[in-house]
Amino acid sequence: MIAFGEETLAAALRSRIFDAAALRRTWFDPAKTNAYRLINAEGDGIPGLIVDVYAQVFVLQISHPGIEAIKELILSLLIELCQPRAIYEKSTSFLRKKEGMGESRAHLYGETQPEVEIIENGLRYSVDLIEGQKTGLFLDQREMRSLVRELAAGRRVLNCFAYTGGFSIAALAGGASHVDSVESSAKCAPRLDKNLALNQLSNHRFVQADVFGFLKTCDWNYDLVILDPPAFVKKRDDLPRAFRAYKEMNAHVMEKMAPNTLLLTCSCSYHVEESLFQNILFRAATEAKRQVRILGRHRLALDHPISIFHPESGYLKSFLLAIQ
């Protein structure tokens, strides 16, 4: 549902896109941050549509046939109202399969830009729009990367499921004494190295390994551990398995961490609500026989608004924990 009452579809879309763009202009100074979510589906009144901006290169994701049917209208409004350099469609969501739709990857407008260099809170990142996960960078974790930057000074940091090193770059920029980035995909290493070079950062080690295996054998000399895994559950039937995976991973980390250290643990699984995730962490702490305090929860990124009429779209949860 997009238009209500007497609104026409075209007028409703124009209004939604115009308002979304105006809000982002008030929040982001392009000299400091030029990568953000322009359209956040229900949060901006256009369910089934996500548009991420990387230095005025737009990456579009469509997850519903109703939006697919009006794609050309959406494109014309984005071009008219936002004047992008390019628009690339990367509609690969598992939701498309549920709707009987295949993947769609295509260059839709403007110059070809498979790789873009962006700025986030003054830090520089190279983003692979074509082969990167999701639209290229996990923009929804921007505020948590800022938190890590605030906390990192003088700490040894372990960044698990590191991808191209967003948390690692933030930690080193914040003065971390050393960062280990653990990632199973070797393809992420060159991009992470490039991001380190862009920001003139060192004291870093990339470890290509399965995170669960690494956690069982590593030396536990870390002051701050970051667990930001991919979704463990895509459908409700997977909840019991996901519950066990989250609990066992967090319990193992809590058991091994030294006293007076910090754990930032996250879940992007849609079906794991915040209260359930907190309950999982309670069980993990009990199993690990550790005293654990909650110091903070997820900082919602301003460009990822949640409609008060559709709270189910708040999929990302984070807890900053003090381990005693």
C-alpha atoms as a PDB file:
ATOM      1  CA  MET A   1       0.000   0.000   0.000  1.00  0.00           C
ATOM      2  CA  ILE A   2       1.499   3.316  -1.098  1.00  0.00           C
ATOM      3  CA  ALA A   3      -1.317   5.790  -1.843  1.00  0.00           C
ATOM      4  CA  PHE A   4      -4.207   6.548   0.476  1.00  0.00           C
ATOM      5  CA  GLY A   5      -7.404   8.568   0.110  1.00  0.00           C
ATOM      6  CA  GLU A   6      -7.426  10.897  -2.885  1.00  0.00           C
ATOM      7  CA  GLU A   7      -3.680  10.614  -3.650  1.00  0.00           C
ATOM      8  CA  THR A   8      -2.776   9.294  -7.051  1.00  0.00           C
ATOM      9  CA  LEU A   9       0.037   6.761  -7.214  1.00  0.00           C
ATOM     10  CA  ALA A  10       2.344   9.154  -9.093  1.00  0.00           C
ATOM     11  CA  ALA A  11       1.696  11.994  -6.635  1.00  0.00           C
ATOM     12  CA  ALA A  12       2.232   9.701  -3.659  1.00  0.00           C
ATOM     13  CA  LEU A  13       5.550   8.402  -5.001  1.00  0.00           C
ATOM     14  CA  ARG A  14       6.747  11.916  -5.812  1.00  0.00           C
ATOM     15  CA  SER A  15       5.861  13.091  -2.303  1.00  0.00           C
ATOM     16  CA  ARG A  16       7.508  10.081  -0.594  1.00  0.00           C
ATOM     17  CA  ILE A  17      10.767  10.390  -2.572  1.00  0.00           C
ATOM     18  CA  PHE A  18      10.922  14.171  -2.191  1.00  0.00           C
ATOM     19  CA  ASP A  19      10.367  13.972   1.598  1.00  0.00           C
ATOM     20  CA  ALA A  20      12.913  11.161   2.025  1.00  0.00           C
ATOM     21  CA  ALA A  21      15.580  13.090   0.107  1.00  0.00           C
ATOM     22  CA  ALA A  22      14.855  16.286   2.066  1.00  0.00           C
ATOM     23  CA  LEU A  23      15.268  14.469   5.388  1.00  0.00           C
ATOM     24  CA  ARG A  24      18.618  12.999   4.349  1.00  0.00           C
ATOM     25  CA  ARG A  25      19.881  16.425   3.310  1.00  0.00           C
ATOM     26  CA  THR A  26      19.238  17.679   6.851  1.00  0.00           C
ATOM     27  CA  TRP A  27      21.122  14.754   8.402  1.00  0.00           C
ATOM     28  CA  PHE A  28      24.186  14.261   6.207  1.00  0.00           C
ATOM     29  CA  ASP A  29      26.896  16.699   5.187  1.00  0.00           C
ATOM     30  CA  PRO A  30      28.311  15.172   1.968  1.00  0.00           C
ATOM     31  CA  ALA A  31      31.771  16.425   2.923  1.00  0.00           C
ATOM     32  CA  LYS A  32      31.654  14.085   5.953  1.00  0.00           C
ATOM     33  CA  THR A  33      29.220  11.315   4.947  1.00  0.00           C
ATOM     34  CA  ASN A  34      28.066  10.728   1.365  1.00  0.00           C
ATOM     35  CA  ALA A  35      26.751   7.157   1.677  1.00  0.00           C
ATOM     36  CA  TYR A  36      23.302   6.624   3.145  1.00  0.00           C
ATOM     37  CA  ARG A  37      19.929   4.965   2.616  1.00  0.00           C
ATOM     38  CA  LEU A  38      17.624   7.226   0.623  1.00  0.00           C
ATOM     39  CA  ILE A  39      14.504   5.010   0.665  1.00  0.00           C
ATOM     40  CA  ASN A  40      13.979   2.534   3.507  1.00  0.00           C
ATOM     41  CA  ALA A  41      10.894   0.659   2.306  1.00  0.00           C
ATOM     42  CA  GLU A  42       8.015   0.987   4.831  1.00  0.00           C
ATOM     43  CA  GLY A  43      10.032   3.502   6.852  1.00  0.00           C
ATOM     44  CA  ASP A  44       9.740   5.964   3.968  1.00  0.00           C
ATOM     45  CA  GLY A  45       6.276   4.951   2.818  1.00  0.00           C
ATOM     46  CA  ILE A  46       7.293   2.782  -0.167  1.00  0.00           C
ATOM     47  CA  PRO A  47       7.156  -0.889   0.904  1.00  0.00           C
ATOM     48  CA  GLY A  48       9.248  -3.238  -1.205  1.00  0.00           C
ATOM     49  CA  LEU A  49      11.765  -0.577  -2.258  1.00  0.00           C
ATOM     50  CA  ILE A  50      15.248   0.175  -0.945  1.00  0.00           C
ATOM     51  CA  VAL A  51      17.544   2.784  -2.484  1.00  0.00           C
ATOM     52  CA  ASP A  52      21.072   3.234  -1.137  1.00  0.00           C
ATOM     53  CA  VAL A  53      23.298   6.130  -2.190  1.00  0.00           C
ATOM     54  CA  TYR A  54      27.067   5.847  -2.591  1.00  0.00           C
ATOM     55  CA  ALA A  55      28.543   9.217  -3.609  1.00  0.00           C
ATOM     56  CA  GLN A  56      25.465   9.889  -5.785  1.00  0.00           C
ATOM     57  CA  VAL A  57      25.527   6.418  -7.306  1.00  0.00           C
ATOM     58  CA  PHE A  58      22.189   4.818  -6.429  1.00  0.00           C
ATOM     59  CA  VAL A  59      21.749   1.094  -5.794  1.00  0.00           C
ATOM     60  CA  LEU A  60      18.133   0.027  -6.021  1.00  0.00           C
ATOM     61  CA  GLN A  61      16.534  -3.107  -4.554  1.00  0.00           C
ATOM     62  CA  ILE A  62      12.993  -4.219  -5.355  1.00  0.00           C
ATOM     63  CA  SER A  63      11.462  -7.082  -3.373  1.00  0.00           C
ATOM     64  CA  HIS A  64       7.789  -7.030  -4.413  1.00  0.00           C
ATOM     65  CA  PRO A  65       6.005  -7.421  -7.780  1.00  0.00           C
ATOM     66  CA  GLY A  66       3.864  -4.365  -7.059  1.00  0.00           C
ATOM     67  CA  ILE A  67       6.991  -2.200  -7.023  1.00  0.00           C
ATOM     68  CA  GLU A  68       8.435  -4.047 -10.021  1.00  0.00           C
ATOM     69  CA  ALA A  69       5.352  -2.994 -11.996  1.00  0.00           C
ATOM     70  CA  ILE A  70       6.053   0.713 -11.378  1.00  0.00           C
ATOM     71  CA  LYS A  71       9.864   0.593 -11.614  1.00  0.00           C
ATOM     72  CA  GLU A  72      10.028   2.961 -14.602  1.00  0.00           C
ATOM     73  CA  LEU A  73       7.970   5.580 -12.762  1.00  0.00           C
ATOM     74  CA  ILE A  74      10.223   5.282  -9.717  1.00  0.00           C
ATOM     75  CA  LEU A  75      13.339   5.623 -11.883  1.00  0.00           C
ATOM     76  CA  SER A  76      12.041   8.760 -13.590  1.00  0.00           C
ATOM     77  CA  LEU A  77      11.218  10.362 -10.219  1.00  0.00           C
ATOM     78  CA  LEU A  78      14.608   9.458  -8.719  1.00  0.00           C
ATOM     79  CA  ILE A  79      16.373  10.998 -11.716  1.00  0.00           C
ATOM     80  CA  GLU A  80      14.209  14.127 -11.665  1.00  0.00           C
ATOM     81  CA  LEU A  81      14.229  14.765  -7.905  1.00  0.00           C
ATOM     82  CA  CYS A  82      17.684  13.469  -6.872  1.00  0.00           C
ATOM     83  CA  GLN A  83      19.892  13.789  -9.976  1.00  0.00           C
ATOM     84  CA  PRO A  84      22.058  10.689  -9.432  1.00  0.00           C
ATOM     85  CA  ARG A  85      25.268   9.995 -11.324  1.00  0.00           C
ATOM     86  CA  ALA A  86      24.108   6.448 -11.964  1.00  0.00           C
ATOM     87  CA  ILE A  87      21.479   3.921 -10.907  1.00  0.00           C
ATOM     88  CA  TYR A  88      22.251   0.225 -10.583  1.00  0.00           C
ATOM     89  CA  GLU A  89      19.631  -2.384  -9.711  1.00  0.00           C
ATOM     90  CA  LYS A  90      20.727  -5.164  -7.404  1.00  0.00           C
ATOM     91  CA  SER A  91      17.496  -6.929  -6.518  1.00  0.00           C
ATOM     92  CA  THR A  92      18.764 -10.122  -4.901  1.00  0.00           C
ATOM     93  CA  SER A  93      16.648 -10.333  -1.737  1.00  0.00           C
ATOM     94  CA  PHE A  94      15.351 -13.751  -0.696  1.00  0.00           C
ATOM     95  CA  LEU A  95      11.944 -12.034  -0.490  1.00  0.00           C
ATOM     96  CA  ARG A  96      11.839 -11.955  -4.301  1.00  0.00           C
ATOM     97  CA  LYS A  97      11.953 -15.747  -4.372  1.00  0.00           C
ATOM     98  CA  LYS A  98       9.033 -15.876  -1.953  1.00  0.00           C
ATOM     99  CA  GLU A  99       7.126 -13.634  -4.373  1.00  0.00           C
ATOM    100  CA  GLY A 100       7.988 -15.861  -7.336  1.00  0.00           C
ATOM    101  CA  MET A 101      10.519 -13.373  -8.748  1.00  0.00           C
ATOM    102  CA  GLY A 102      14.061 -14.067  -9.909  1.00  0.00           C
ATOM    103  CA  GLU A 103      17.131 -11.951  -9.210  1.00  0.00           C
ATOM    104  CA  SER A 104      17.598  -8.774 -11.222  1.00  0.00           C
ATOM    105  CA  ARG A 105      20.975  -7.073 -11.697  1.00  0.00           C
ATOM    106  CA  ALA A 106      21.206  -4.291 -14.271  1.00  0.00           C
ATOM    107  CA  HIS A 107      22.730  -0.906 -14.984  1.00  0.00           C
ATOM    108  CA  LEU A 108      19.678   1.341 -15.325  1.00  0.00           C
ATOM    109  CA  TYR A 109      20.967   4.887 -15.730  1.00  0.00           C
ATOM    110  CA  GLY A 110      24.056   7.059 -16.090  1.00  0.00           C
ATOM    111  CA  GLU A 111      27.723   6.153 -16.008  1.00  0.00           C
ATOM    112  CA  THR A 112      28.919   2.647 -15.180  1.00  0.00           C
ATOM    113  CA  GLN A 113      30.285   2.621 -11.629  1.00  0.00           C
ATOM    114  CA  PRO A 114      31.092  -0.894 -10.369  1.00  0.00           C
ATOM    115  CA  GLU A 115      33.334   0.542  -7.628  1.00  0.00           C
ATOM    116  CA  VAL A 116      32.832   3.746  -5.638  1.00  0.00           C
ATOM    117  CA  GLU A 117      34.902   5.484  -2.976  1.00  0.00           C
ATOM    118  CA  ILE A 118      32.712   6.945  -0.237  1.00  0.00           C
ATOM    119  CA  ILE A 119      33.098   8.917   2.991  1.00  0.00           C
ATOM    120  CA  GLU A 120      31.515   7.914   6.291  1.00  0.00           C
ATOM    121  CA  ASN A 121      32.061  10.216   9.248  1.00  0.00           C
ATOM    122  CA  GLY A 122      35.284  11.380   7.641  1.00  0.00           C
ATOM    123  CA  LEU A 123      36.592   7.853   6.984  1.00  0.00           C
ATOM    124  CA  ARG A 124      37.074   6.584   3.455  1.00  0.00           C
ATOM    125  CA  TYR A 125      35.841   3.249   2.137  1.00  0.00           C
ATOM    126  CA  SER A 126      36.066   1.558  -1.236  1.00  0.00           C
ATOM    127  CA  VAL A 127      32.750  -0.138  -2.045  1.00  0.00           C
ATOM    128  CA  ASP A 128      32.167  -2.873  -4.622  1.00  0.00           C
ATOM    129  CA  LEU A 129      28.591  -2.267  -5.753  1.00  0.00           C
ATOM    130  CA  ILE A 130      28.465  -5.290  -8.069  1.00  0.00           C
ATOM    131  CA  GLU A 131      30.013  -8.129  -6.058  1.00  0.00           C
ATOM    132  CA  GLY A 132      29.712  -6.721  -2.527  1.00  0.00           C
ATOM    133  CA  GLN A 133      27.171  -8.054  -0.064  1.00  0.00           C
ATOM    134  CA  LYS A 134      23.738  -6.387   0.006  1.00  0.00           C
ATOM    135  CA  THR A 135      24.133  -3.055  -1.802  1.00  0.00           C
ATOM    136  CA  GLY A 136      27.879  -2.874  -1.075  1.00  0.00           C
ATOM    137  CA  LEU A 137      28.285  -1.673   2.510  1.00  0.00           C
ATOM    138  CA  PHE A 138      26.176  -2.306   5.612  1.00  0.00           C
ATOM    139  CA  LEU A 139      24.963   1.268   6.017  1.00  0.00           C
ATOM    140  CA  ASP A 140      22.623   0.257   8.849  1.00  0.00           C
ATOM    141  CA  GLN A 141      25.642  -0.249  11.154  1.00  0.00           C
ATOM    142  CA  ARG A 142      27.015   3.284  10.692  1.00  0.00           C
ATOM    143  CA  GLU A 143      26.092   4.399  14.221  1.00  0.00           C
ATOM    144  CA  MET A 144      27.543   1.260  15.766  1.00  0.00           C
ATOM    145  CA  ARG A 145      30.777   1.807  13.839  1.00  0.00           C
ATOM    146  CA  SER A 146      30.853   5.291  15.379  1.00  0.00           C
ATOM    147  CA  LEU A 147      30.349   3.728  18.815  1.00  0.00           C
ATOM    148  CA  VAL A 148      33.267   1.343  18.246  1.00  0.00           C
ATOM    149  CA  ARG A 149      35.395   4.303  17.196  1.00  0.00           C
ATOM    150  CA  GLU A 150      34.509   6.037  20.483  1.00  0.00           C
ATOM    151  CA  LEU A 151      35.389   2.959  22.550  1.00  0.00           C
ATOM    152  CA  ALA A 152      38.508   1.679  20.793  1.00  0.00           C
ATOM    153  CA  ALA A 153      41.320   3.870  22.126  1.00  0.00           C
ATOM    154  CA  GLY A 154      44.179   1.707  23.444  1.00  0.00           C
ATOM    155  CA  ARG A 155      42.178  -1.531  23.101  1.00  0.00           C
ATOM    156  CA  ARG A 156      42.981  -4.747  21.258  1.00  0.00           C
ATOM    157  CA  VAL A 157      39.961  -5.462  19.069  1.00  0.00           C
ATOM    158  CA  LEU A 158      38.610  -8.643  17.502  1.00  0.00           C
ATOM    159  CA  ASN A 159      36.198  -8.039  14.613  1.00  0.00           C
ATOM    160  CA  CYS A 160      34.369 -11.239  13.658  1.00  0.00           C
ATOM    161  CA  PHE A 161      32.514 -11.637  10.343  1.00  0.00           C
ATOM    162  CA  ALA A 162      34.595  -8.633   9.273  1.00  0.00           C
ATOM    163  CA  TYR A 163      33.534  -8.410   5.601  1.00  0.00           C
ATOM    164  CA  THR A 164      35.521  -5.435   4.186  1.00  0.00           C
ATOM    165  CA  GLY A 165      36.443  -4.091   7.593  1.00  0.00           C
ATOM    166  CA  GLY A 166      33.924  -1.386   8.487  1.00  0.00           C
ATOM    167  CA  PHE A 167      34.261  -1.979  12.232  1.00  0.00           C
ATOM    168  CA  SER A 168      38.007  -2.570  11.901  1.00  0.00           C
ATOM    169  CA  ILE A 169      38.607   0.764  10.168  1.00  0.00           C
ATOM    170  CA  ALA A 170      36.476   2.558  12.758  1.00  0.00           C
ATOM    171  CA  ALA A 171      38.346   0.924  15.654  1.00  0.00           C
ATOM    172  CA  LEU A 172      41.774   1.773  14.268  1.00  0.00           C
ATOM    173  CA  ALA A 173      40.669   5.345  13.532  1.00  0.00           C
ATOM    174  CA  GLY A 174      39.587   5.536  17.162  1.00  0.00           C
ATOM    175  CA  GLY A 175      43.049   4.588  18.389  1.00  0.00           C
ATOM    176  CA  ALA A 176      42.850   0.809  18.825  1.00  0.00           C
ATOM    177  CA  SER A 177      46.283  -0.644  19.555  1.00  0.00           C
ATOM    178  CA  HIS A 178      45.620  -3.625  17.254  1.00  0.00           C
ATOM    179  CA  VAL A 179      42.710  -5.146  15.311  1.00  0.00           C
ATOM    180  CA  ASP A 180      42.245  -8.722  14.121  1.00  0.00           C
ATOM    181  CA  SER A 181      39.622  -9.058  11.353  1.00  0.00           C
ATOM    182  CA  VAL A 182      38.240 -12.577  10.916  1.00  0.00           C
ATOM    183  CA  GLU A 183      36.390 -13.352   7.690  1.00  0.00           C
ATOM    184  CA  SER A 184      35.792 -16.643   5.877  1.00  0.00           C
ATOM    185  CA  SER A 185      35.906 -15.112   2.377  1.00  0.00           C
ATOM    186  CA  ALA A 186      39.384 -14.427   0.989  1.00  0.00           C
ATOM    187  CA  LYS A 187      37.769 -12.043  -1.539  1.00  0.00           C
ATOM    188  CA  CYS A 188      37.290  -9.498   1.260  1.00  0.00           C
ATOM    189  CA  ALA A 189      41.005  -9.153   2.052  1.00  0.00           C
ATOM    190  CA  PRO A 190      42.050  -6.917  -0.900  1.00  0.00           C
ATOM    191  CA  ARG A 191      39.133  -4.546  -0.274  1.00  0.00           C
ATOM    192  CA  LEU A 192      39.952  -4.382   3.427  1.00  0.00           C
ATOM    193  CA  ASP A 193      43.604  -3.672   2.633  1.00  0.00           C
ATOM    194  CA  LYS A 194      42.493  -0.894   0.287  1.00  0.00           C
ATOM    195  CA  ASN A 195      40.333   0.647   3.017  1.00  0.00           C
ATOM    196  CA  LEU A 196      43.262   0.559   5.432  1.00  0.00           C
ATOM    197  CA  ALA A 197      45.457   2.312   2.879  1.00  0.00           C
ATOM    198  CA  LEU A 198      42.799   4.926   2.103  1.00  0.00           C
ATOM    199  CA  ASN A 199      42.807   5.904   5.782  1.00  0.00           C
ATOM    200  CA  GLN A 200      46.552   5.382   6.358  1.00  0.00           C
ATOM    201  CA  LEU A 201      45.929   2.832   9.116  1.00  0.00           C
ATOM    202  CA  SER A 202      48.073  -0.078  10.326  1.00  0.00           C
ATOM    203  CA  ASN A 203      48.324  -2.441  13.332  1.00  0.00           C
ATOM    204  CA  HIS A 204      45.915  -4.804  11.635  1.00  0.00           C
ATOM    205  CA  ARG A 205      45.791  -8.511  10.799  1.00  0.00           C
ATOM    206  CA  PHE A 206      43.381 -10.204   8.395  1.00  0.00           C
ATOM    207  CA  VAL A 207      42.542 -13.797   9.306  1.00  0.00           C
ATOM    208  CA  GLN A 208      40.790 -15.898   6.686  1.00  0.00           C
ATOM    209  CA  ALA A 209      38.969 -18.468   8.790  1.00  0.00           C
ATOM    210  CA  ASP A 210      35.603 -19.779   9.818  1.00  0.00           C
ATOM    211  CA  VAL A 211      34.694 -17.601  12.798  1.00  0.00           C
ATOM    212  CA  PHE A 212      33.406 -20.487  14.906  1.00  0.00           C
ATOM    213  CA  GLY A 213      36.633 -22.422  14.388  1.00  0.00           C
ATOM    214  CA  PHE A 214      38.788 -19.355  15.059  1.00  0.00           C
ATOM    215  CA  LEU A 215      36.996 -18.620  18.328  1.00  0.00           C
ATOM    216  CA  LYS A 216      37.836 -22.099  19.619  1.00  0.00           C
ATOM    217  CA  THR A 217      41.582 -21.760  19.078  1.00  0.00           C
ATOM    218  CA  CYS A 218      42.537 -18.068  19.274  1.00  0.00           C
ATOM    219  CA  ASP A 219      44.489 -16.352  22.064  1.00  0.00           C
ATOM    220  CA  TRP A 220      41.981 -14.380  24.116  1.00  0.00           C
ATOM    221  CA  ASN A 221      43.934 -11.169  24.563  1.00  0.00           C
ATOM    222  CA  TYR A 222      41.205  -8.830  23.298  1.00  0.00           C
ATOM    223  CA  ASP A 223      39.654  -5.890  25.114  1.00  0.00           C
ATOM    224  CA  LEU A 224      36.755  -5.420  22.675  1.00  0.00           C
ATOM    225  CA  VAL A 225      35.076  -8.161  20.634  1.00  0.00           C
ATOM    226  CA  ILE A 226      32.584  -7.497  17.832  1.00  0.00           C
ATOM    227  CA  LEU A 227      30.149 -10.197  16.714  1.00  0.00           C
ATOM    228  CA  ASP A 228      28.120  -9.073  13.693  1.00  0.00           C
ATOM    229  CA  PRO A 229      27.168 -12.296  11.900  1.00  0.00           C
ATOM    230  CA  PRO A 230      24.943 -12.680   8.844  1.00  0.00           C
ATOM    231  CA  ALA A 231      21.334 -13.623   9.526  1.00  0.00           C
ATOM    232  CA  PHE A 232      21.134 -17.060  11.112  1.00  0.00           C
ATOM    233  CA  VAL A 233      17.405 -17.333  10.368  1.00  0.00           C
ATOM    234  CA  LYS A 234      15.588 -16.479   7.130  1.00  0.00           C
ATOM    235  CA  LYS A 235      12.237 -18.038   8.044  1.00  0.00           C
ATOM    236  CA  ARG A 236      10.413 -18.695  11.293  1.00  0.00           C
ATOM    237  CA  ASP A 237      10.964 -22.459  11.058  1.00  0.00           C
ATOM    238  CA  ASP A 238      14.707 -21.820  11.475  1.00  0.00           C
ATOM    239  CA  LEU A 239      14.313 -20.133  14.884  1.00  0.00           C
ATOM    240  CA  PRO A 240      15.322 -23.104  17.088  1.00  0.00           C
ATOM    241  CA  ARG A 241      18.553 -23.605  15.116  1.00  0.00           C
ATOM    242  CA  ALA A 242      19.303 -19.888  15.135  1.00  0.00           C
ATOM    243  CA  PHE A 243      18.620 -19.687  18.881  1.00  0.00           C
ATOM    244  CA  ARG A 244      21.222 -22.381  19.513  1.00  0.00           C
ATOM    245  CA  ALA A 245      23.776 -20.807  17.165  1.00  0.00           C
ATOM    246  CA  TYR A 246      23.497 -17.339  18.726  1.00  0.00           C
ATOM    247  CA  LYS A 247      23.586 -18.761  22.253  1.00  0.00           C
ATOM    248  CA  GLU A 248      26.561 -21.070  21.694  1.00  0.00           C
ATOM    249  CA  MET A 249      28.631 -18.402  19.918  1.00  0.00           C
ATOM    250  CA  ASN A 250      27.983 -15.731  22.535  1.00  0.00           C
ATOM    251  CA  ALA A 251      28.425 -18.134  25.446  1.00  0.00           C
ATOM    252  CA  HIS A 252      31.811 -19.276  24.129  1.00  0.00           C
ATOM    253  CA  VAL A 253      32.990 -15.682  23.663  1.00  0.00           C
ATOM    254  CA  MET A 254      31.745 -14.608  27.098  1.00  0.00           C
ATOM    255  CA  GLU A 255      33.447 -17.593  28.738  1.00  0.00           C
ATOM    256  CA  LYS A 256      36.822 -16.812  27.134  1.00  0.00           C
ATOM    257  CA  MET A 257      36.918 -13.025  27.484  1.00  0.00           C
ATOM    258  CA  ALA A 258      39.024 -11.480  30.241  1.00  0.00           C
ATOM    259  CA  PRO A 259      37.340  -9.536  33.056  1.00  0.00           C
ATOM    260  CA  ASN A 260      36.537  -5.878  32.406  1.00  0.00           C
ATOM    261  CA  THR A 261      36.303  -6.267  28.632  1.00  0.00           C
ATOM    262  CA  LEU A 262      33.590  -5.285  26.165  1.00  0.00           C
ATOM    263  CA  LEU A 263      31.456  -7.328  23.771  1.00  0.00           C
ATOM    264  CA  LEU A 264      29.378  -5.766  20.993  1.00  0.00           C
ATOM    265  CA  THR A 265      27.053  -8.476  19.744  1.00  0.00           C
ATOM    266  CA  CYS A 266      24.488  -8.070  16.969  1.00  0.00           C
ATOM    267  CA  SER A 267      21.689  -9.892  15.184  1.00  0.00           C
ATOM    268  CA  CYS A 268      20.174  -8.893  11.847  1.00  0.00           C
ATOM    269  CA  SER A 269      17.781 -11.860  11.808  1.00  0.00           C
ATOM    270  CA  TYR A 270      14.290 -10.510  11.147  1.00  0.00           C
ATOM    271  CA  HIS A 271      12.544 -13.209  13.222  1.00  0.00           C
ATOM    272  CA  VAL A 272      14.794 -12.717  16.281  1.00  0.00           C
ATOM    273  CA  GLU A 273      13.149  -9.807  18.087  1.00  0.00           C
ATOM    274  CA  GLU A 274      15.128  -7.665  20.527  1.00  0.00           C
ATOM    275  CA  SER A 275      13.508  -9.239  23.589  1.00  0.00           C
ATOM    276  CA  LEU A 276      14.323 -12.719  22.272  1.00  0.00           C
ATOM    277  CA  PHE A 277      17.916 -11.716  21.490  1.00  0.00           C
ATOM    278  CA  GLN A 278      18.322 -10.333  25.007  1.00  0.00           C
ATOM    279  CA  ASN A 279      16.955 -13.600  26.382  1.00  0.00           C
ATOM    280  CA  ILE A 280      19.488 -15.527  24.263  1.00  0.00           C
ATOM    281  CA  LEU A 281      22.293 -13.374  25.705  1.00  0.00           C
ATOM    282  CA  PHE A 282      20.976 -13.965  29.238  1.00  0.00           C
ATOM    283  CA  ARG A 283      21.118 -17.712  28.639  1.00  0.00           C
ATOM    284  CA  ALA A 284      24.603 -17.391  27.108  1.00  0.00           C
ATOM    285  CA  ALA A 285      25.874 -15.465  30.156  1.00  0.00           C
ATOM    286  CA  THR A 286      24.342 -18.039  32.485  1.00  0.00           C
ATOM    287  CA  GLU A 287      25.935 -20.893  30.558  1.00  0.00           C
ATOM    288  CA  ALA A 288      29.308 -19.082  30.546  1.00  0.00           C
ATOM    289  CA  LYS A 289      29.012 -18.387  34.309  1.00  0.00           C
ATOM    290  CA  ARG A 290      29.901 -14.725  33.805  1.00  0.00           C
ATOM    291  CA  GLN A 291      28.535 -11.498  35.227  1.00  0.00           C
ATOM    292  CA  VAL A 292      27.363  -9.414  32.268  1.00  0.00           C
ATOM    293  CA  ARG A 293      25.923  -5.893  32.186  1.00  0.00           C
ATOM    294  CA  ILE A 294      24.169  -4.101  29.337  1.00  0.00           C
ATOM    295  CA  LEU A 295      25.910  -0.791  28.629  1.00  0.00           C
ATOM    296  CA  GLY A 296      24.049   0.107  25.457  1.00  0.00           C
ATOM    297  CA  ARG A 297      21.656  -1.031  22.773  1.00  0.00           C
ATOM    298  CA  HIS A 298      21.485  -0.538  19.038  1.00  0.00           C
ATOM    299  CA  ARG A 299      21.760   3.035  17.803  1.00  0.00           C
ATOM    300  CA  LEU A 300      19.277   3.273  14.952  1.00  0.00           C
ATOM    301  CA  ALA A 301      20.840   4.994  11.928  1.00  0.00           C
ATOM    302  CA  LEU A 302      18.854   8.101  11.012  1.00  0.00           C
ATOM    303  CA  ASP A 303      18.577   7.016   7.389  1.00  0.00           C
ATOM    304  CA  HIS A 304      16.926   3.728   8.396  1.00  0.00           C
ATOM    305  CA  PRO A 305      13.639   5.023   9.863  1.00  0.00           C
ATOM    306  CA  ILE A 306      11.005   2.589  11.107  1.00  0.00           C
ATOM    307  CA  SER A 307       7.340   3.389  10.545  1.00  0.00           C
ATOM    308  CA  ILE A 308       5.477   3.478  13.835  1.00  0.00           C
ATOM    309  CA  PHE A 309       2.717   1.620  11.981  1.00  0.00           C
ATOM    310  CA  HIS A 310       5.122  -1.129  10.861  1.00  0.00           C
ATOM    311  CA  PRO A 311       7.493  -1.884  13.769  1.00  0.00           C
ATOM    312  CA  GLU A 312       8.265  -5.316  12.299  1.00  0.00           C
ATOM    313  CA  SER A 313      10.792  -3.692   9.964  1.00  0.00           C
ATOM    314  CA  GLY A 314      13.162  -3.056  12.892  1.00  0.00           C
ATOM    315  CA  TYR A 315      15.317  -6.091  12.132  1.00  0.00           C
ATOM    316  CA  LEU A 316      18.747  -5.023  13.496  1.00  0.00           C
ATOM    317  CA  LYS A 317      19.588  -5.505  17.189  1.00  0.00           C
ATOM    318  CA  SER A 318      22.826  -4.764  19.027  1.00  0.00           C
ATOM    319  CA  PHE A 319      23.928  -4.991  22.657  1.00  0.00           C
ATOM    320  CA  LEU A 320      27.086  -3.501  24.110  1.00  0.00           C
ATOM    321  CA  LEU A 321      27.999  -5.731  27.074  1.00  0.00           C
ATOM    322  CA  ALA A 322      30.501  -5.405  29.890  1.00  0.00           C
ATOM    323  CA  ILE A 323      31.975  -8.794  30.785  1.00  0.00           C
ATOM    324  CA  GLN A 324      33.089  -9.207  34.416  1.00  0.00           C
END
